[in-house]
Amino acid sequence: MLQKLLGKLSKSQTSNVKSGKPKMKPKIEKSNITSTRIGELGEYKINIQLDQLPKNSRYLSDVLLPNPRARSGYSQIDHVIFTSWAIFVVETKNYAGTIYGDRKREKWSVNGKFPMMNPFHQNFGHIQALKSILSQMEEMNVVSIVSFTRRCTFKVNEELRKIQSNDLIVYDTELSEYISRKMNVLRVQGNSLIFSDEDILHMYRILSENNITDPNIRTEHIDSLQQKKYKEASAVQSEVKAKCFTCNIAVSRKVEAYCKANYNLFNGKVYCFEHQRG
């Protein structure tokens, strides 16, 4: 009798184990970081690196200067670093994808599809704005750096990755490394110190004094840039040609207009000359 009871109890426990629902792991919610926030985090990462540079170095981030040549009337510079051997002007980019570009070309692209201005041309404008207020600054003592996130791969001129160049393209995580290496190269080349500690402090103070911090002016500048981007995007969109519904070959504006004008004949679709007769 006892054995029968134990047997029933054992079966009951086995049944409960089999029918029991598996334990679910608690869901971990991923934090949603906006693009603005991602940009802020990227800037923060760079600032941490810049803090590791030699003690006599000085840097300013997010500098806004008057620039009559710029469409908005201002130049916004991500980072300016003053060292004994050179002045580093850094432009940061928050793109993801493959960056295609040539140092001499006006336009670069992301993934071969989305156009972007040559960032070194952009940084050249920033350097000119800096030179207008810093009398000690000469182009031979300036290193132009463009920094991208690790979400990018580069298809650019090889020399832009070589430390001997004064135009460098780097990943944000290696910025301080490239700056330190560049200073070492200049030191090994036997060049004497370009800027004394007093020079560095003097330039830093002048730039700090000329940096526009008025929030209204900064907002106007950002709005102006956004309007420019919208106009450029609209212009690119307007240049896209219609394609033949049958063969997918691009047709002229005139052919597109003809097909759309004869809606009943083509049912609102666009056809090339050959397939209009089909």
C-alpha atoms as a PDB file:
ATOM      1  CA  MET A   1       0.000   0.000   0.000  1.00  0.00           C
ATOM      2  CA  LEU A   2       2.783   2.347   0.970  1.00  0.00           C
ATOM      3  CA  GLN A   3       4.609   1.608  -2.286  1.00  0.00           C
ATOM      4  CA  LYS A   4       1.454   2.449  -4.304  1.00  0.00           C
ATOM      5  CA  LEU A   5       1.102   5.781  -2.498  1.00  0.00           C
ATOM      6  CA  LEU A   6       4.766   6.622  -3.093  1.00  0.00           C
ATOM      7  CA  GLY A   7       4.396   5.674  -6.752  1.00  0.00           C
ATOM      8  CA  LYS A   8       1.380   7.955  -7.214  1.00  0.00           C
ATOM      9  CA  LEU A   9       3.178  10.789  -5.435  1.00  0.00           C
ATOM     10  CA  SER A  10       6.250  10.369  -7.667  1.00  0.00           C
ATOM     11  CA  LYS A  11       4.118  10.435 -10.853  1.00  0.00           C
ATOM     12  CA  SER A  12       2.283  13.531  -9.631  1.00  0.00           C
ATOM     13  CA  GLN A  13       5.564  15.397  -9.015  1.00  0.00           C
ATOM     14  CA  THR A  14       6.938  14.356 -12.433  1.00  0.00           C
ATOM     15  CA  SER A  15       3.745  15.535 -14.111  1.00  0.00           C
ATOM     16  CA  ASN A  16       3.959  18.910 -12.358  1.00  0.00           C
ATOM     17  CA  VAL A  17       7.549  19.375 -13.455  1.00  0.00           C
ATOM     18  CA  LYS A  18       6.743  18.582 -17.095  1.00  0.00           C
ATOM     19  CA  SER A  19       3.686  20.803 -17.239  1.00  0.00           C
ATOM     20  CA  GLY A  20       5.341  23.714 -15.459  1.00  0.00           C
ATOM     21  CA  LYS A  21       6.049  26.788 -17.596  1.00  0.00           C
ATOM     22  CA  PRO A  22       9.725  27.502 -18.255  1.00  0.00           C
ATOM     23  CA  LYS A  23      11.147  30.447 -16.381  1.00  0.00           C
ATOM     24  CA  MET A  24      11.486  33.508 -18.578  1.00  0.00           C
ATOM     25  CA  LYS A  25      14.539  35.713 -18.308  1.00  0.00           C
ATOM     26  CA  PRO A  26      13.673  39.275 -17.318  1.00  0.00           C
ATOM     27  CA  LYS A  27      13.571  41.621 -20.303  1.00  0.00           C
ATOM     28  CA  ILE A  28      16.338  44.166 -20.365  1.00  0.00           C
ATOM     29  CA  GLU A  29      15.128  47.341 -21.990  1.00  0.00           C
ATOM     30  CA  LYS A  30      17.648  49.052 -24.218  1.00  0.00           C
ATOM     31  CA  SER A  31      17.963  52.737 -23.585  1.00  0.00           C
ATOM     32  CA  ASN A  32      16.866  54.860 -26.516  1.00  0.00           C
ATOM     33  CA  ILE A  33      19.594  57.403 -27.202  1.00  0.00           C
ATOM     34  CA  THR A  34      18.683  60.188 -29.573  1.00  0.00           C
ATOM     35  CA  SER A  35      21.137  61.323 -32.251  1.00  0.00           C
ATOM     36  CA  THR A  36      21.736  64.515 -30.275  1.00  0.00           C
ATOM     37  CA  ARG A  37      22.601  62.512 -27.208  1.00  0.00           C
ATOM     38  CA  ILE A  38      24.902  60.239 -29.217  1.00  0.00           C
ATOM     39  CA  GLY A  39      26.691  63.349 -30.471  1.00  0.00           C
ATOM     40  CA  GLU A  40      27.077  64.619 -26.915  1.00  0.00           C
ATOM     41  CA  LEU A  41      28.517  61.283 -25.801  1.00  0.00           C
ATOM     42  CA  GLY A  42      30.981  61.391 -28.696  1.00  0.00           C
ATOM     43  CA  GLU A  43      32.113  64.895 -27.738  1.00  0.00           C
ATOM     44  CA  TYR A  44      32.469  63.747 -24.119  1.00  0.00           C
ATOM     45  CA  LYS A  45      34.685  60.821 -25.195  1.00  0.00           C
ATOM     46  CA  ILE A  46      36.949  63.196 -27.091  1.00  0.00           C
ATOM     47  CA  ASN A  47      37.152  65.682 -24.224  1.00  0.00           C
ATOM     48  CA  ILE A  48      38.290  62.872 -21.906  1.00  0.00           C
ATOM     49  CA  GLN A  49      41.102  62.068 -24.351  1.00  0.00           C
ATOM     50  CA  LEU A  50      42.140  65.699 -24.676  1.00  0.00           C
ATOM     51  CA  ASP A  51      42.443  65.944 -20.899  1.00  0.00           C
ATOM     52  CA  GLN A  52      45.274  63.374 -21.127  1.00  0.00           C
ATOM     53  CA  LEU A  53      47.484  65.599 -23.304  1.00  0.00           C
ATOM     54  CA  PRO A  54      50.597  67.338 -21.858  1.00  0.00           C
ATOM     55  CA  LYS A  55      49.857  69.753 -19.024  1.00  0.00           C
ATOM     56  CA  ASN A  56      51.024  72.806 -20.931  1.00  0.00           C
ATOM     57  CA  SER A  57      48.534  72.068 -23.732  1.00  0.00           C
ATOM     58  CA  ARG A  58      45.223  73.892 -23.851  1.00  0.00           C
ATOM     59  CA  TYR A  59      42.039  73.166 -25.752  1.00  0.00           C
ATOM     60  CA  LEU A  60      38.613  74.654 -26.387  1.00  0.00           C
ATOM     61  CA  SER A  61      35.566  72.774 -27.653  1.00  0.00           C
ATOM     62  CA  ASP A  62      32.480  73.983 -29.535  1.00  0.00           C
ATOM     63  CA  VAL A  63      33.937  77.334 -30.561  1.00  0.00           C
ATOM     64  CA  LEU A  64      31.782  79.790 -32.530  1.00  0.00           C
ATOM     65  CA  LEU A  65      33.574  82.593 -34.381  1.00  0.00           C
ATOM     66  CA  PRO A  66      32.467  85.279 -36.843  1.00  0.00           C
ATOM     67  CA  ASN A  67      33.263  84.306 -40.435  1.00  0.00           C
ATOM     68  CA  PRO A  68      32.037  86.636 -43.206  1.00  0.00           C
ATOM     69  CA  ARG A  69      32.855  83.989 -45.830  1.00  0.00           C
ATOM     70  CA  ALA A  70      30.502  81.418 -44.299  1.00  0.00           C
ATOM     71  CA  ARG A  71      26.853  81.378 -45.398  1.00  0.00           C
ATOM     72  CA  SER A  72      25.626  81.653 -41.824  1.00  0.00           C
ATOM     73  CA  GLY A  73      28.214  84.335 -41.033  1.00  0.00           C
ATOM     74  CA  TYR A  74      29.902  82.078 -38.463  1.00  0.00           C
ATOM     75  CA  SER A  75      32.250  79.119 -38.164  1.00  0.00           C
ATOM     76  CA  GLN A  76      31.543  76.491 -35.523  1.00  0.00           C
ATOM     77  CA  ILE A  77      34.694  74.555 -34.633  1.00  0.00           C
ATOM     78  CA  ASP A  78      34.452  71.318 -32.682  1.00  0.00           C
ATOM     79  CA  HIS A  79      37.897  71.345 -31.038  1.00  0.00           C
ATOM     80  CA  VAL A  80      40.994  73.564 -31.103  1.00  0.00           C
ATOM     81  CA  ILE A  81      44.100  72.206 -29.339  1.00  0.00           C
ATOM     82  CA  PHE A  82      47.152  74.367 -28.639  1.00  0.00           C
ATOM     83  CA  THR A  83      50.435  72.484 -28.117  1.00  0.00           C
ATOM     84  CA  SER A  84      54.123  73.389 -28.188  1.00  0.00           C
ATOM     85  CA  TRP A  85      54.570  71.843 -31.637  1.00  0.00           C
ATOM     86  CA  ALA A  86      51.376  72.626 -33.519  1.00  0.00           C
ATOM     87  CA  ILE A  87      47.773  73.797 -33.387  1.00  0.00           C
ATOM     88  CA  PHE A  88      45.290  70.997 -34.025  1.00  0.00           C
ATOM     89  CA  VAL A  89      41.893  71.885 -35.485  1.00  0.00           C
ATOM     90  CA  VAL A  90      39.419  69.009 -35.205  1.00  0.00           C
ATOM     91  CA  GLU A  91      36.162  68.475 -37.084  1.00  0.00           C
ATOM     92  CA  THR A  92      34.034  65.594 -35.744  1.00  0.00           C
ATOM     93  CA  LYS A  93      31.514  63.601 -37.795  1.00  0.00           C
ATOM     94  CA  ASN A  94      28.767  61.329 -36.479  1.00  0.00           C
ATOM     95  CA  TYR A  95      28.164  59.178 -39.571  1.00  0.00           C
ATOM     96  CA  ALA A  96      27.779  55.414 -39.898  1.00  0.00           C
ATOM     97  CA  GLY A  97      28.883  53.518 -43.008  1.00  0.00           C
ATOM     98  CA  THR A  98      31.678  53.607 -45.566  1.00  0.00           C
ATOM     99  CA  ILE A  99      33.212  57.030 -46.144  1.00  0.00           C
ATOM    100  CA  TYR A 100      34.329  57.574 -49.739  1.00  0.00           C
ATOM    101  CA  GLY A 101      36.458  60.613 -50.455  1.00  0.00           C
ATOM    102  CA  ASP A 102      39.454  62.202 -52.098  1.00  0.00           C
ATOM    103  CA  ARG A 103      41.421  65.024 -50.488  1.00  0.00           C
ATOM    104  CA  LYS A 104      41.017  67.241 -53.568  1.00  0.00           C
ATOM    105  CA  ARG A 105      37.358  66.551 -54.312  1.00  0.00           C
ATOM    106  CA  GLU A 106      34.708  68.979 -53.132  1.00  0.00           C
ATOM    107  CA  LYS A 107      32.147  66.267 -52.369  1.00  0.00           C
ATOM    108  CA  TRP A 108      32.522  63.018 -50.415  1.00  0.00           C
ATOM    109  CA  SER A 109      29.850  60.400 -49.805  1.00  0.00           C
ATOM    110  CA  VAL A 110      28.556  57.961 -47.209  1.00  0.00           C
ATOM    111  CA  ASN A 111      28.043  54.443 -48.591  1.00  0.00           C
ATOM    112  CA  GLY A 112      28.468  55.886 -52.079  1.00  0.00           C
ATOM    113  CA  LYS A 113      24.910  57.274 -51.928  1.00  0.00           C
ATOM    114  CA  PHE A 114      24.615  60.185 -49.539  1.00  0.00           C
ATOM    115  CA  PRO A 115      26.732  63.244 -50.432  1.00  0.00           C
ATOM    116  CA  MET A 116      28.658  65.215 -47.852  1.00  0.00           C
ATOM    117  CA  MET A 117      30.967  68.208 -48.117  1.00  0.00           C
ATOM    118  CA  ASN A 118      34.683  67.416 -48.086  1.00  0.00           C
ATOM    119  CA  PRO A 119      35.338  67.816 -44.323  1.00  0.00           C
ATOM    120  CA  PHE A 120      38.873  69.100 -44.945  1.00  0.00           C
ATOM    121  CA  HIS A 121      37.444  71.922 -47.073  1.00  0.00           C
ATOM    122  CA  GLN A 122      35.082  72.634 -44.195  1.00  0.00           C
ATOM    123  CA  ASN A 123      37.956  72.623 -41.709  1.00  0.00           C
ATOM    124  CA  PHE A 124      39.960  74.946 -43.978  1.00  0.00           C
ATOM    125  CA  GLY A 125      37.235  77.556 -43.478  1.00  0.00           C
ATOM    126  CA  HIS A 126      37.518  77.050 -39.721  1.00  0.00           C
ATOM    127  CA  ILE A 127      41.286  77.517 -39.863  1.00  0.00           C
ATOM    128  CA  GLN A 128      40.868  80.795 -41.775  1.00  0.00           C
ATOM    129  CA  ALA A 129      38.439  82.031 -39.117  1.00  0.00           C
ATOM    130  CA  LEU A 130      40.998  81.171 -36.415  1.00  0.00           C
ATOM    131  CA  LYS A 131      43.809  82.917 -38.295  1.00  0.00           C
ATOM    132  CA  SER A 132      41.752  86.104 -38.419  1.00  0.00           C
ATOM    133  CA  ILE A 133      41.994  86.447 -34.627  1.00  0.00           C
ATOM    134  CA  LEU A 134      45.272  84.620 -33.859  1.00  0.00           C
ATOM    135  CA  SER A 135      48.225  86.546 -35.313  1.00  0.00           C
ATOM    136  CA  GLN A 136      50.730  83.832 -34.297  1.00  0.00           C
ATOM    137  CA  MET A 137      48.904  81.139 -36.250  1.00  0.00           C
ATOM    138  CA  GLU A 138      50.436  80.068 -39.572  1.00  0.00           C
ATOM    139  CA  GLU A 139      49.140  77.266 -41.786  1.00  0.00           C
ATOM    140  CA  MET A 140      52.466  75.402 -41.707  1.00  0.00           C
ATOM    141  CA  ASN A 141      51.967  74.972 -37.950  1.00  0.00           C
ATOM    142  CA  VAL A 142      48.375  73.749 -38.212  1.00  0.00           C
ATOM    143  CA  VAL A 143      47.245  70.119 -38.343  1.00  0.00           C
ATOM    144  CA  SER A 144      43.735  69.574 -39.709  1.00  0.00           C
ATOM    145  CA  ILE A 145      42.037  66.477 -38.270  1.00  0.00           C
ATOM    146  CA  VAL A 146      38.680  64.953 -39.165  1.00  0.00           C
ATOM    147  CA  SER A 147      37.347  62.450 -36.632  1.00  0.00           C
ATOM    148  CA  PHE A 148      34.741  59.749 -37.347  1.00  0.00           C
ATOM    149  CA  THR A 149      33.137  57.156 -35.074  1.00  0.00           C
ATOM    150  CA  ARG A 150      34.048  53.465 -35.151  1.00  0.00           C
ATOM    151  CA  ARG A 151      30.785  52.856 -37.012  1.00  0.00           C
ATOM    152  CA  CYS A 152      32.612  53.996 -40.160  1.00  0.00           C
ATOM    153  CA  THR A 153      35.139  52.492 -42.536  1.00  0.00           C
ATOM    154  CA  PHE A 154      37.394  54.633 -44.721  1.00  0.00           C
ATOM    155  CA  LYS A 155      37.851  54.535 -48.488  1.00  0.00           C
ATOM    156  CA  VAL A 156      40.026  57.649 -48.766  1.00  0.00           C
ATOM    157  CA  ASN A 157      43.551  58.698 -49.781  1.00  0.00           C
ATOM    158  CA  GLU A 158      46.108  56.577 -47.915  1.00  0.00           C
ATOM    159  CA  GLU A 159      48.169  59.625 -46.952  1.00  0.00           C
ATOM    160  CA  LEU A 160      45.253  60.912 -44.865  1.00  0.00           C
ATOM    161  CA  ARG A 161      45.982  58.075 -42.418  1.00  0.00           C
ATOM    162  CA  LYS A 162      49.762  58.612 -42.387  1.00  0.00           C
ATOM    163  CA  ILE A 163      51.121  60.526 -39.421  1.00  0.00           C
ATOM    164  CA  GLN A 164      53.492  62.561 -41.627  1.00  0.00           C
ATOM    165  CA  SER A 165      50.520  64.368 -43.188  1.00  0.00           C
ATOM    166  CA  ASN A 166      49.121  67.624 -41.831  1.00  0.00           C
ATOM    167  CA  ASP A 167      45.663  66.468 -42.948  1.00  0.00           C
ATOM    168  CA  LEU A 168      44.583  63.428 -40.940  1.00  0.00           C
ATOM    169  CA  ILE A 169      41.435  61.317 -40.831  1.00  0.00           C
ATOM    170  CA  VAL A 170      41.058  59.349 -37.576  1.00  0.00           C
ATOM    171  CA  TYR A 171      38.590  57.436 -35.445  1.00  0.00           C
ATOM    172  CA  ASP A 172      37.337  59.281 -32.376  1.00  0.00           C
ATOM    173  CA  THR A 173      38.871  56.649 -30.065  1.00  0.00           C
ATOM    174  CA  GLU A 174      42.379  57.278 -31.439  1.00  0.00           C
ATOM    175  CA  LEU A 175      42.361  61.075 -31.548  1.00  0.00           C
ATOM    176  CA  SER A 176      44.706  61.691 -28.608  1.00  0.00           C
ATOM    177  CA  GLU A 177      46.999  58.914 -29.882  1.00  0.00           C
ATOM    178  CA  TYR A 178      47.343  60.621 -33.273  1.00  0.00           C
ATOM    179  CA  ILE A 179      47.950  64.011 -31.671  1.00  0.00           C
ATOM    180  CA  SER A 180      50.680  62.558 -29.427  1.00  0.00           C
ATOM    181  CA  ARG A 181      52.268  60.691 -32.344  1.00  0.00           C
ATOM    182  CA  LYS A 182      52.208  63.816 -34.490  1.00  0.00           C
ATOM    183  CA  MET A 183      53.950  65.829 -31.770  1.00  0.00           C
ATOM    184  CA  ASN A 184      56.601  63.088 -31.453  1.00  0.00           C
ATOM    185  CA  VAL A 185      57.206  63.154 -35.223  1.00  0.00           C
ATOM    186  CA  LEU A 186      57.703  66.928 -35.153  1.00  0.00           C
ATOM    187  CA  ARG A 187      60.059  66.559 -32.190  1.00  0.00           C
ATOM    188  CA  VAL A 188      62.123  63.809 -33.875  1.00  0.00           C
ATOM    189  CA  GLN A 189      62.404  65.908 -37.036  1.00  0.00           C
ATOM    190  CA  GLY A 190      64.509  68.271 -34.963  1.00  0.00           C
ATOM    191  CA  ASN A 191      62.111  71.175 -35.088  1.00  0.00           C
ATOM    192  CA  SER A 192      62.458  73.637 -32.255  1.00  0.00           C
ATOM    193  CA  LEU A 193      59.436  74.454 -30.129  1.00  0.00           C
ATOM    194  CA  ILE A 194      56.989  76.507 -32.170  1.00  0.00           C
ATOM    195  CA  PHE A 195      54.992  77.884 -29.255  1.00  0.00           C
ATOM    196  CA  SER A 196      56.172  78.646 -25.729  1.00  0.00           C
ATOM    197  CA  ASP A 197      53.926  78.116 -22.714  1.00  0.00           C
ATOM    198  CA  GLU A 198      53.224  81.859 -22.748  1.00  0.00           C
ATOM    199  CA  ASP A 199      52.245  81.698 -26.435  1.00  0.00           C
ATOM    200  CA  ILE A 200      49.853  78.828 -25.746  1.00  0.00           C
ATOM    201  CA  LEU A 201      48.164  80.651 -22.874  1.00  0.00           C
ATOM    202  CA  HIS A 202      47.963  83.871 -24.901  1.00  0.00           C
ATOM    203  CA  MET A 203      46.259  82.161 -27.877  1.00  0.00           C
ATOM    204  CA  TYR A 204      43.962  80.232 -25.562  1.00  0.00           C
ATOM    205  CA  ARG A 205      42.817  83.440 -23.840  1.00  0.00           C
ATOM    206  CA  ILE A 206      42.253  85.300 -27.113  1.00  0.00           C
ATOM    207  CA  LEU A 207      40.175  82.430 -28.497  1.00  0.00           C
ATOM    208  CA  SER A 208      38.189  82.185 -25.257  1.00  0.00           C
ATOM    209  CA  GLU A 209      37.419  85.901 -25.392  1.00  0.00           C
ATOM    210  CA  ASN A 210      36.298  85.747 -29.039  1.00  0.00           C
ATOM    211  CA  ASN A 211      34.227  82.590 -28.633  1.00  0.00           C
ATOM    212  CA  ILE A 212      30.556  83.546 -29.065  1.00  0.00           C
ATOM    213  CA  THR A 213      28.527  82.091 -26.202  1.00  0.00           C
ATOM    214  CA  ASP A 214      25.292  84.039 -26.752  1.00  0.00           C
ATOM    215  CA  PRO A 215      22.588  81.302 -26.966  1.00  0.00           C
ATOM    216  CA  ASN A 216      20.440  83.328 -29.386  1.00  0.00           C
ATOM    217  CA  ILE A 217      23.265  83.733 -31.906  1.00  0.00           C
ATOM    218  CA  ARG A 218      24.126  80.042 -31.609  1.00  0.00           C
ATOM    219  CA  THR A 219      20.492  79.078 -32.222  1.00  0.00           C
ATOM    220  CA  GLU A 220      20.326  81.326 -35.307  1.00  0.00           C
ATOM    221  CA  HIS A 221      23.520  79.720 -36.617  1.00  0.00           C
ATOM    222  CA  ILE A 222      22.133  76.188 -36.165  1.00  0.00           C
ATOM    223  CA  ASP A 223      18.819  77.163 -37.793  1.00  0.00           C
ATOM    224  CA  SER A 224      20.704  78.600 -40.768  1.00  0.00           C
ATOM    225  CA  LEU A 225      22.652  75.345 -41.192  1.00  0.00           C
ATOM    226  CA  GLN A 226      19.457  73.284 -40.991  1.00  0.00           C
ATOM    227  CA  GLN A 227      17.833  75.402 -43.714  1.00  0.00           C
ATOM    228  CA  LYS A 228      20.913  74.931 -45.898  1.00  0.00           C
ATOM    229  CA  LYS A 229      20.758  71.138 -45.458  1.00  0.00           C
ATOM    230  CA  TYR A 230      17.045  71.129 -46.315  1.00  0.00           C
ATOM    231  CA  LYS A 231      17.631  73.133 -49.514  1.00  0.00           C
ATOM    232  CA  GLU A 232      20.497  70.853 -50.558  1.00  0.00           C
ATOM    233  CA  ALA A 233      18.389  67.745 -49.924  1.00  0.00           C
ATOM    234  CA  SER A 234      15.521  69.242 -51.946  1.00  0.00           C
ATOM    235  CA  ALA A 235      17.898  70.079 -54.803  1.00  0.00           C
ATOM    236  CA  VAL A 236      19.232  66.515 -54.862  1.00  0.00           C
ATOM    237  CA  GLN A 237      15.687  65.154 -54.852  1.00  0.00           C
ATOM    238  CA  SER A 238      14.668  67.405 -57.751  1.00  0.00           C
ATOM    239  CA  GLU A 239      17.600  66.110 -59.803  1.00  0.00           C
ATOM    240  CA  VAL A 240      16.393  62.510 -59.561  1.00  0.00           C
ATOM    241  CA  LYS A 241      15.090  61.509 -62.991  1.00  0.00           C
ATOM    242  CA  ALA A 242      12.011  59.411 -63.623  1.00  0.00           C
ATOM    243  CA  LYS A 243      12.532  55.882 -64.971  1.00  0.00           C
ATOM    244  CA  CYS A 244      10.690  53.831 -67.558  1.00  0.00           C
ATOM    245  CA  PHE A 245       8.102  51.598 -65.902  1.00  0.00           C
ATOM    246  CA  THR A 246       9.083  48.671 -68.155  1.00  0.00           C
ATOM    247  CA  CYS A 247      12.884  48.773 -68.477  1.00  0.00           C
ATOM    248  CA  ASN A 248      13.826  51.028 -65.517  1.00  0.00           C
ATOM    249  CA  ILE A 249      15.978  53.286 -67.724  1.00  0.00           C
ATOM    250  CA  ALA A 250      16.069  56.989 -66.784  1.00  0.00           C
ATOM    251  CA  VAL A 251      14.130  59.285 -69.106  1.00  0.00           C
ATOM    252  CA  SER A 252      14.334  63.022 -69.729  1.00  0.00           C
ATOM    253  CA  ARG A 253      12.062  65.572 -68.059  1.00  0.00           C
ATOM    254  CA  LYS A 254      10.397  66.133 -71.418  1.00  0.00           C
ATOM    255  CA  VAL A 255       9.474  62.438 -71.788  1.00  0.00           C
ATOM    256  CA  GLU A 256       8.254  62.302 -68.194  1.00  0.00           C
ATOM    257  CA  ALA A 257       6.044  65.366 -68.750  1.00  0.00           C
ATOM    258  CA  TYR A 258       4.627  63.872 -71.971  1.00  0.00           C
ATOM    259  CA  CYS A 259       3.654  60.605 -70.269  1.00  0.00           C
ATOM    260  CA  LYS A 260       2.041  62.378 -67.337  1.00  0.00           C
ATOM    261  CA  ALA A 261       0.155  64.723 -69.672  1.00  0.00           C
ATOM    262  CA  ASN A 262      -1.321  61.674 -71.448  1.00  0.00           C
ATOM    263  CA  TYR A 263      -2.661  59.959 -68.365  1.00  0.00           C
ATOM    264  CA  ASN A 264      -5.358  57.976 -70.202  1.00  0.00           C
ATOM    265  CA  LEU A 265      -2.795  56.569 -72.623  1.00  0.00           C
ATOM    266  CA  PHE A 266      -0.155  55.540 -70.069  1.00  0.00           C
ATOM    267  CA  ASN A 267      -2.278  55.162 -66.887  1.00  0.00           C
ATOM    268  CA  GLY A 268      -0.116  57.677 -65.041  1.00  0.00           C
ATOM    269  CA  LYS A 269       3.077  55.687 -65.645  1.00  0.00           C
ATOM    270  CA  VAL A 270       6.264  56.850 -67.382  1.00  0.00           C
ATOM    271  CA  TYR A 271       7.696  54.984 -70.385  1.00  0.00           C
ATOM    272  CA  CYS A 272      10.760  55.490 -72.580  1.00  0.00           C
ATOM    273  CA  PHE A 273      10.280  56.052 -76.343  1.00  0.00           C
ATOM    274  CA  GLU A 274      10.668  52.364 -77.136  1.00  0.00           C
ATOM    275  CA  HIS A 275       8.064  51.162 -74.650  1.00  0.00           C
ATOM    276  CA  GLN A 276       5.601  53.947 -75.391  1.00  0.00           C
ATOM    277  CA  ARG A 277       4.879  52.047 -78.603  1.00  0.00           C
ATOM    278  CA  GLY A 278       4.597  48.684 -76.898  1.00  0.00           C
END
